[in-house]
Amino acid sequence: MKLQEKLDQMKAEFESGAPAEALAVMHKATEDLKQSGLVENALKAGDILPGFSLPDQNGKPVSSEKLLEKGPLVVSIYRGVW
């Protein structure tokens, strides 16, 4: 199964059990985001990420440029639990 197929399946399973009111809020938020124009400006798969600096686990800034000097860089976004 391809990733998009798996994601679509997971979404369908979630939506089949979620309260209608919650789904309405989530769908409206998604539509508002699309209408904002931010989607067109977002990076797409294969785009080159601009240089950035983020704090490490100790709060010390780490730049992407320095990390790239050591080799390929993978960026993982972890949202955490809200």
C-alpha atoms as a PDB file:
ATOM      1  CA  MET A   1       0.000   0.000   0.000  1.00  0.00           C
ATOM      2  CA  LYS A   2       1.339   3.439  -0.936  1.00  0.00           C
ATOM      3  CA  LEU A   3       1.771   6.089   1.754  1.00  0.00           C
ATOM      4  CA  GLN A   4      -1.066   8.273   0.438  1.00  0.00           C
ATOM      5  CA  GLU A   5      -3.398   5.274   0.400  1.00  0.00           C
ATOM      6  CA  LYS A   6      -2.472   4.476   4.003  1.00  0.00           C
ATOM      7  CA  LEU A   7      -2.996   8.105   5.055  1.00  0.00           C
ATOM      8  CA  ASP A   8      -6.375   8.190   3.318  1.00  0.00           C
ATOM      9  CA  GLN A   9      -7.362   4.976   5.088  1.00  0.00           C
ATOM     10  CA  MET A  10      -6.280   6.341   8.478  1.00  0.00           C
ATOM     11  CA  LYS A  11      -8.223   9.561   7.860  1.00  0.00           C
ATOM     12  CA  ALA A  12     -11.359   7.648   6.896  1.00  0.00           C
ATOM     13  CA  GLU A  13     -11.090   5.456   9.990  1.00  0.00           C
ATOM     14  CA  PHE A  14     -10.630   8.495  12.235  1.00  0.00           C
ATOM     15  CA  GLU A  15     -13.491  10.425  10.661  1.00  0.00           C
ATOM     16  CA  SER A  16     -15.872   7.470  10.912  1.00  0.00           C
ATOM     17  CA  GLY A  17     -15.599   7.554  14.705  1.00  0.00           C
ATOM     18  CA  ALA A  18     -15.122  11.258  15.427  1.00  0.00           C
ATOM     19  CA  PRO A  19     -17.992  13.466  16.624  1.00  0.00           C
ATOM     20  CA  ALA A  20     -19.638  15.437  13.813  1.00  0.00           C
ATOM     21  CA  GLU A  21     -19.089  18.731  15.651  1.00  0.00           C
ATOM     22  CA  ALA A  22     -15.349  18.097  15.954  1.00  0.00           C
ATOM     23  CA  LEU A  23     -15.098  17.119  12.285  1.00  0.00           C
ATOM     24  CA  ALA A  24     -16.902  20.304  11.266  1.00  0.00           C
ATOM     25  CA  VAL A  25     -14.396  22.417  13.213  1.00  0.00           C
ATOM     26  CA  MET A  26     -11.438  20.505  11.764  1.00  0.00           C
ATOM     27  CA  HIS A  27     -12.726  20.736   8.183  1.00  0.00           C
ATOM     28  CA  LYS A  28     -13.415  24.466   8.563  1.00  0.00           C
ATOM     29  CA  ALA A  29      -9.907  25.046   9.935  1.00  0.00           C
ATOM     30  CA  THR A  30      -8.421  23.132   6.992  1.00  0.00           C
ATOM     31  CA  GLU A  31     -10.491  25.129   4.499  1.00  0.00           C
ATOM     32  CA  ASP A  32      -9.541  28.417   6.200  1.00  0.00           C
ATOM     33  CA  LEU A  33      -5.880  27.463   5.921  1.00  0.00           C
ATOM     34  CA  LYS A  34      -6.254  26.655   2.223  1.00  0.00           C
ATOM     35  CA  GLN A  35      -8.064  29.964   1.602  1.00  0.00           C
ATOM     36  CA  SER A  36      -5.356  31.930   3.424  1.00  0.00           C
ATOM     37  CA  GLY A  37      -2.887  31.400   0.585  1.00  0.00           C
ATOM     38  CA  LEU A  38      -0.317  29.785   2.882  1.00  0.00           C
ATOM     39  CA  VAL A  39      -0.572  26.450   1.080  1.00  0.00           C
ATOM     40  CA  GLU A  40       0.766  27.937  -2.158  1.00  0.00           C
ATOM     41  CA  ASN A  41       3.795  29.313  -0.300  1.00  0.00           C
ATOM     42  CA  ALA A  42       4.565  26.127   1.613  1.00  0.00           C
ATOM     43  CA  LEU A  43       7.566  24.030   0.663  1.00  0.00           C
ATOM     44  CA  LYS A  44       6.770  20.975  -1.433  1.00  0.00           C
ATOM     45  CA  ALA A  45       8.496  17.614  -1.595  1.00  0.00           C
ATOM     46  CA  GLY A  46      11.870  18.097  -3.271  1.00  0.00           C
ATOM     47  CA  ASP A  47      12.113  21.831  -2.498  1.00  0.00           C
ATOM     48  CA  ILE A  48      15.326  23.081  -0.934  1.00  0.00           C
ATOM     49  CA  LEU A  49      14.810  24.217   2.630  1.00  0.00           C
ATOM     50  CA  PRO A  50      16.234  27.662   3.412  1.00  0.00           C
ATOM     51  CA  GLY A  51      18.964  27.797   6.051  1.00  0.00           C
ATOM     52  CA  PHE A  52      17.739  27.879   9.638  1.00  0.00           C
ATOM     53  CA  SER A  53      18.894  27.675  13.229  1.00  0.00           C
ATOM     54  CA  LEU A  54      17.032  25.861  16.010  1.00  0.00           C
ATOM     55  CA  PRO A  55      17.841  25.126  19.640  1.00  0.00           C
ATOM     56  CA  ASP A  56      19.148  21.669  20.491  1.00  0.00           C
ATOM     57  CA  GLN A  57      17.996  19.683  23.525  1.00  0.00           C
ATOM     58  CA  ASN A  58      20.120  21.947  25.741  1.00  0.00           C
ATOM     59  CA  GLY A  59      18.869  25.200  24.227  1.00  0.00           C
ATOM     60  CA  LYS A  60      22.086  25.821  22.255  1.00  0.00           C
ATOM     61  CA  PRO A  61      21.484  27.103  18.694  1.00  0.00           C
ATOM     62  CA  VAL A  62      22.366  24.664  15.903  1.00  0.00           C
ATOM     63  CA  SER A  63      22.462  25.856  12.282  1.00  0.00           C
ATOM     64  CA  SER A  64      21.427  23.744   9.352  1.00  0.00           C
ATOM     65  CA  GLU A  65      24.490  24.944   7.433  1.00  0.00           C
ATOM     66  CA  LYS A  66      26.849  23.512  10.071  1.00  0.00           C
ATOM     67  CA  LEU A  67      24.993  20.213  10.121  1.00  0.00           C
ATOM     68  CA  LEU A  68      25.054  19.985   6.315  1.00  0.00           C
ATOM     69  CA  GLU A  69      28.848  20.291   6.402  1.00  0.00           C
ATOM     70  CA  LYS A  70      28.837  16.853   8.049  1.00  0.00           C
ATOM     71  CA  GLY A  71      26.520  15.259   5.452  1.00  0.00           C
ATOM     72  CA  PRO A  72      22.835  14.973   4.525  1.00  0.00           C
ATOM     73  CA  LEU A  73      20.316  16.423   6.943  1.00  0.00           C
ATOM     74  CA  VAL A  74      16.903  14.986   7.829  1.00  0.00           C
ATOM     75  CA  VAL A  75      14.419  17.304   9.532  1.00  0.00           C
ATOM     76  CA  SER A  76      11.626  15.705  11.517  1.00  0.00           C
ATOM     77  CA  ILE A  77       8.794  17.846  12.862  1.00  0.00           C
ATOM     78  CA  TYR A  78       7.389  16.483  16.107  1.00  0.00           C
ATOM     79  CA  ARG A  79       4.241  18.226  17.231  1.00  0.00           C
ATOM     80  CA  GLY A  80       4.051  16.565  20.590  1.00  0.00           C
ATOM     81  CA  VAL A  81       0.873  15.948  22.508  1.00  0.00           C
ATOM     82  CA  TRP A  82      -1.502  18.891  22.869  1.00  0.00           C
END
